[in-house]
C-alpha atoms as a PDB file:
ATOM      1  CA  UNK A   1      23.272  95.600   8.036  1.00  0.00           C
ATOM      2  CA  UNK A   2      21.382  93.783  10.632  1.00  0.00           C
ATOM      3  CA  UNK A   3      18.844  96.743  10.138  1.00  0.00           C
ATOM      4  CA  UNK A   4      16.993  95.596  13.800  1.00  0.00           C
ATOM      5  CA  UNK A   5      13.838  97.891  13.947  1.00  0.00           C
ATOM      6  CA  UNK A   6      15.060 100.710  11.962  1.00  0.00           C
ATOM      7  CA  UNK A   7      16.147 103.281  14.475  1.00  0.00           C
ATOM      8  CA  UNK A   8      19.525 104.179  12.764  1.00  0.00           C
ATOM      9  CA  UNK A   9      17.384 105.087   9.248  1.00  0.00           C
ATOM     10  CA  UNK A  10      15.196 107.429  11.213  1.00  0.00           C
ATOM     11  CA  UNK A  11      18.099 108.697  13.189  1.00  0.00           C
ATOM     12  CA  UNK A  12      19.645 109.572  10.340  1.00  0.00           C
ATOM     13  CA  UNK A  13      16.404 110.697   8.305  1.00  0.00           C
ATOM     14  CA  UNK A  14      15.266 112.554  11.324  1.00  0.00           C
ATOM     15  CA  UNK A  15      18.257 114.452  12.242  1.00  0.00           C
ATOM     16  CA  UNK A  16      20.658 114.801   8.879  1.00  0.00           C
ATOM     17  CA  UNK A  17      19.482 116.760   6.305  1.00  0.00           C
ATOM     18  CA  UNK A  18      21.100 115.725   4.043  1.00  0.00           C
ATOM     19  CA  UNK A  19      19.981 112.221   4.169  1.00  0.00           C
ATOM     20  CA  UNK A  20      16.527 112.600   3.177  1.00  0.00           C
ATOM     21  CA  UNK A  21      16.438 112.008  -0.172  1.00  0.00           C
ATOM     22  CA  UNK A  22      19.135 109.482   0.096  1.00  0.00           C
ATOM     23  CA  UNK A  23      18.029 105.643  -0.807  1.00  0.00           C
ATOM     24  CA  UNK A  24      18.981 103.698   2.483  1.00  0.00           C
ATOM     25  CA  UNK A  25      18.551  99.837   1.869  1.00  0.00           C
ATOM     26  CA  UNK A  26      17.517  97.712   5.403  1.00  0.00           C
ATOM     27  CA  UNK A  27      19.021  94.465   5.537  1.00  0.00           C
ATOM     28  CA  UNK A  28      18.578  92.041   8.287  1.00  0.00           C
ATOM     29  CA  UNK A  29      18.526  88.404   8.834  1.00  0.00           C
ATOM     30  CA  UNK A  30      15.151  88.274  10.807  1.00  0.00           C
ATOM     31  CA  UNK A  31      12.129  88.521   9.018  1.00  0.00           C
ATOM     32  CA  UNK A  32      10.054  90.612  12.453  1.00  0.00           C
ATOM     33  CA  UNK A  33      12.151  93.282  11.648  1.00  0.00           C
ATOM     34  CA  UNK A  34      11.768  93.405   8.253  1.00  0.00           C
ATOM     35  CA  UNK A  35       8.040  93.645   8.563  1.00  0.00           C
ATOM     36  CA  UNK A  36       8.198  96.446  11.573  1.00  0.00           C
ATOM     37  CA  UNK A  37      10.724  98.345   9.071  1.00  0.00           C
ATOM     38  CA  UNK A  38       8.298  98.152   6.440  1.00  0.00           C
ATOM     39  CA  UNK A  39       5.062  99.034   8.270  1.00  0.00           C
ATOM     40  CA  UNK A  40       6.900 102.000   9.702  1.00  0.00           C
ATOM     41  CA  UNK A  41       8.879 103.053   6.709  1.00  0.00           C
ATOM     42  CA  UNK A  42      12.050 103.535   7.866  1.00  0.00           C
ATOM     43  CA  UNK A  43      13.979 102.420   5.021  1.00  0.00           C
ATOM     44  CA  UNK A  44      13.280 102.484   1.100  1.00  0.00           C
ATOM     45  CA  UNK A  45      14.204  98.770   0.199  1.00  0.00           C
ATOM     46  CA  UNK A  46      14.792  95.987   2.823  1.00  0.00           C
ATOM     47  CA  UNK A  47      16.766  92.882   1.725  1.00  0.00           C
ATOM     48  CA  UNK A  48      16.194  89.742   4.098  1.00  0.00           C
ATOM     49  CA  UNK A  49      19.782  88.213   4.266  1.00  0.00           C
ATOM     50  CA  UNK A  50      22.677  86.556   6.167  1.00  0.00           C
ATOM     51  CA  UNK A  51      24.994  89.946   6.568  1.00  0.00           C
ATOM     52  CA  UNK A  52      28.057  87.133   6.195  1.00  0.00           C
ATOM     53  CA  UNK A  53      26.699  86.903   2.177  1.00  0.00           C
ATOM     54  CA  UNK A  54      25.572  89.592   1.070  1.00  0.00           C
ATOM     55  CA  UNK A  55      23.347  89.435  -1.766  1.00  0.00           C
ATOM     56  CA  UNK A  56      24.658  93.352  -3.613  1.00  0.00           C
ATOM     57  CA  UNK A  57      27.157  93.359  -6.369  1.00  0.00           C
ATOM     58  CA  UNK A  58      30.449  94.467  -5.867  1.00  0.00           C
ATOM     59  CA  UNK A  59      30.183  98.530  -5.321  1.00  0.00           C
ATOM     60  CA  UNK A  60      26.833  98.955  -4.828  1.00  0.00           C
ATOM     61  CA  UNK A  61      26.499 101.043  -1.900  1.00  0.00           C
ATOM     62  CA  UNK A  62      28.734 104.618  -1.042  1.00  0.00           C
ATOM     63  CA  UNK A  63      28.638 103.864   2.932  1.00  0.00           C
ATOM     64  CA  UNK A  64      27.451 100.926   4.665  1.00  0.00           C
ATOM     65  CA  UNK A  65      26.359 100.383   8.741  1.00  0.00           C
ATOM     66  CA  UNK A  66      27.042  97.682  10.597  1.00  0.00           C
ATOM     67  CA  UNK A  67      25.983  98.500  14.727  1.00  0.00           C
ATOM     68  CA  UNK A  68      26.551  96.354  17.005  1.00  0.00           C
ATOM     69  CA  UNK A  69      26.169  93.427  15.226  1.00  0.00           C
ATOM     70  CA  UNK A  70      29.339  91.887  14.638  1.00  0.00           C
ATOM     71  CA  UNK A  71      29.756  90.724  18.843  1.00  0.00           C
ATOM     72  CA  UNK A  72      27.070  88.620  17.585  1.00  0.00           C
ATOM     73  CA  UNK A  73      29.283  86.529  15.306  1.00  0.00           C
ATOM     74  CA  UNK A  74      32.584  84.455  16.070  1.00  0.00           C
ATOM     75  CA  UNK A  75      35.495  86.009  14.640  1.00  0.00           C
ATOM     76  CA  UNK A  76      35.970  84.319  11.840  1.00  0.00           C
ATOM     77  CA  UNK A  77      32.078  84.749  10.434  1.00  0.00           C
ATOM     78  CA  UNK A  78      32.998  88.620  11.910  1.00  0.00           C
ATOM     79  CA  UNK A  79      36.115  88.457   9.465  1.00  0.00           C
ATOM     80  CA  UNK A  80      33.300  87.362   6.986  1.00  0.00           C
ATOM     81  CA  UNK A  81      31.511  89.980   7.164  1.00  0.00           C
ATOM     82  CA  UNK A  82      33.999  92.790   7.151  1.00  0.00           C
ATOM     83  CA  UNK A  83      34.918  91.275   4.310  1.00  0.00           C
ATOM     84  CA  UNK A  84      31.863  91.702   2.367  1.00  0.00           C
ATOM     85  CA  UNK A  85      30.986  95.305   3.981  1.00  0.00           C
ATOM     86  CA  UNK A  86      34.204  96.166   2.301  1.00  0.00           C
ATOM     87  CA  UNK A  87      33.071  94.481  -1.612  1.00  0.00           C
ATOM     88  CA  UNK A  88      29.889  96.224  -1.847  1.00  0.00           C
ATOM     89  CA  UNK A  89      30.619  99.591  -0.610  1.00  0.00           C
ATOM     90  CA  UNK A  90      32.745 102.241  -1.939  1.00  0.00           C
ATOM     91  CA  UNK A  91      33.112 104.539   0.219  1.00  0.00           C
ATOM     92  CA  UNK A  92      33.142 104.230   3.652  1.00  0.00           C
ATOM     93  CA  UNK A  93      32.145 100.887   6.181  1.00  0.00           C
ATOM     94  CA  UNK A  94      31.183 101.786   9.528  1.00  0.00           C
ATOM     95  CA  UNK A  95      31.381  99.106  12.043  1.00  0.00           C
ATOM     96  CA  UNK A  96      30.383  99.550  15.985  1.00  0.00           C
ATOM     97  CA  UNK A  97      31.031  97.215  18.911  1.00  0.00           C
ATOM     98  CA  UNK A  98      31.658  97.481  22.757  1.00  0.00           C
ATOM     99  CA  UNK A  99      34.799  97.862  23.684  1.00  0.00           C
ATOM    100  CA  UNK A 100      34.806  95.417  26.040  1.00  0.00           C
ATOM    101  CA  UNK A 101      33.438  91.877  26.772  1.00  0.00           C
ATOM    102  CA  UNK A 102      29.923  92.300  27.628  1.00  0.00           C
ATOM    103  CA  UNK A 103      28.181  88.801  28.448  1.00  0.00           C
ATOM    104  CA  UNK A 104      24.592  88.694  26.879  1.00  0.00           C
ATOM    105  CA  UNK A 105      22.815  85.726  27.124  1.00  0.00           C
ATOM    106  CA  UNK A 106      19.954  84.957  24.507  1.00  0.00           C
ATOM    107  CA  UNK A 107      16.917  86.943  24.791  1.00  0.00           C
ATOM    108  CA  UNK A 108      13.664  84.618  24.017  1.00  0.00           C
ATOM    109  CA  UNK A 109      11.621  84.657  21.659  1.00  0.00           C
ATOM    110  CA  UNK A 110       8.493  81.917  22.163  1.00  0.00           C
ATOM    111  CA  UNK A 111      10.020  80.163  24.604  1.00  0.00           C
ATOM    112  CA  UNK A 112      13.398  80.086  21.881  1.00  0.00           C
ATOM    113  CA  UNK A 113      16.445  81.509  21.902  1.00  0.00           C
ATOM    114  CA  UNK A 114      16.488  84.696  19.888  1.00  0.00           C
ATOM    115  CA  UNK A 115      18.544  84.071  16.733  1.00  0.00           C
ATOM    116  CA  UNK A 116      22.082  85.835  17.162  1.00  0.00           C
ATOM    117  CA  UNK A 117      21.074  87.706  20.206  1.00  0.00           C
ATOM    118  CA  UNK A 118      24.021  86.122  22.359  1.00  0.00           C
ATOM    119  CA  UNK A 119      27.468  88.122  22.376  1.00  0.00           C
ATOM    120  CA  UNK A 120      30.022  85.666  20.455  1.00  0.00           C
ATOM    121  CA  UNK A 121      33.273  87.779  20.745  1.00  0.00           C
ATOM    122  CA  UNK A 122      35.119  90.541  21.555  1.00  0.00           C
ATOM    123  CA  UNK A 123      36.613  93.078  19.119  1.00  0.00           C
ATOM    124  CA  UNK A 124      39.542  95.641  20.029  1.00  0.00           C
ATOM    125  CA  UNK A 125      40.362  98.392  18.644  1.00  0.00           C
ATOM    126  CA  UNK A 126      44.000  97.297  17.770  1.00  0.00           C
ATOM    127  CA  UNK A 127      42.060  94.396  15.293  1.00  0.00           C
ATOM    128  CA  UNK A 128      40.666  97.165  13.494  1.00  0.00           C
ATOM    129  CA  UNK A 129      43.433  99.270  12.931  1.00  0.00           C
ATOM    130  CA  UNK A 130      45.492  96.197  11.675  1.00  0.00           C
ATOM    131  CA  UNK A 131      42.646  95.992   9.345  1.00  0.00           C
ATOM    132  CA  UNK A 132      43.438  99.804   8.273  1.00  0.00           C
ATOM    133  CA  UNK A 133      40.527 100.537  10.067  1.00  0.00           C
ATOM    134  CA  UNK A 134      39.989 104.524  11.444  1.00  0.00           C
ATOM    135  CA  UNK A 135      39.001 103.569  15.093  1.00  0.00           C
ATOM    136  CA  UNK A 136      36.648 106.254  17.420  1.00  0.00           C
ATOM    137  CA  UNK A 137      35.906 106.173  20.864  1.00  0.00           C
ATOM    138  CA  UNK A 138      32.142 106.776  21.530  1.00  0.00           C
ATOM    139  CA  UNK A 139      30.151 106.632  25.118  1.00  0.00           C
ATOM    140  CA  UNK A 140      32.194 106.954  27.732  1.00  0.00           C
ATOM    141  CA  UNK A 141      35.139 105.117  29.687  1.00  0.00           C
ATOM    142  CA  UNK A 142      35.785 102.516  32.611  1.00  0.00           C
ATOM    143  CA  UNK A 143      38.726 103.184  34.316  1.00  0.00           C
ATOM    144  CA  UNK A 144      37.649 102.195  37.850  1.00  0.00           C
ATOM    145  CA  UNK A 145      36.451  98.652  38.297  1.00  0.00           C
ATOM    146  CA  UNK A 146      32.764  98.151  38.743  1.00  0.00           C
ATOM    147  CA  UNK A 147      32.024  98.096  42.573  1.00  0.00           C
ATOM    148  CA  UNK A 148      29.027  97.587  44.779  1.00  0.00           C
ATOM    149  CA  UNK A 149      27.505 100.045  47.205  1.00  0.00           C
ATOM    150  CA  UNK A 150      25.465  99.425  50.347  1.00  0.00           C
ATOM    151  CA  UNK A 151      22.794 101.974  51.110  1.00  0.00           C
ATOM    152  CA  UNK A 152      21.406 101.544  55.288  1.00  0.00           C
ATOM    153  CA  UNK A 153      17.638 101.182  54.872  1.00  0.00           C
ATOM    154  CA  UNK A 154      16.060 104.331  55.667  1.00  0.00           C
ATOM    155  CA  UNK A 155      18.769 106.583  54.040  1.00  0.00           C
END
């Protein structure tokens, strides 16, 4: 869901041998992303749709992935997205999102803000746990406030 330019399909196909023969479907709301994925063969099938309103029947997939998508939706829309992912998935729903508020201003395409490029919500691990998700951290943990270092010229 939110397949973008096919990064995750490419990584899975290259690094996980068992997944080479699995049918992967990419869904995105932006036609440009789907054209890119089609050109490079990232997914077996591509669907133009809004992830909050999945066009798939109940239990259509074993695993669904929404990586770095939910924070681009308002909370209510994000909950709708999770409900839809659970409806269409039989085994595992995988969701990744930043664990801190990251201000992201809109990206621009042809002088207009790109659709869904801004962050609109923050999701805490406790919110996912309350919905019975298993939460695992990846990446790094910030333990100190950000600091600015001034380096003298000529150093």
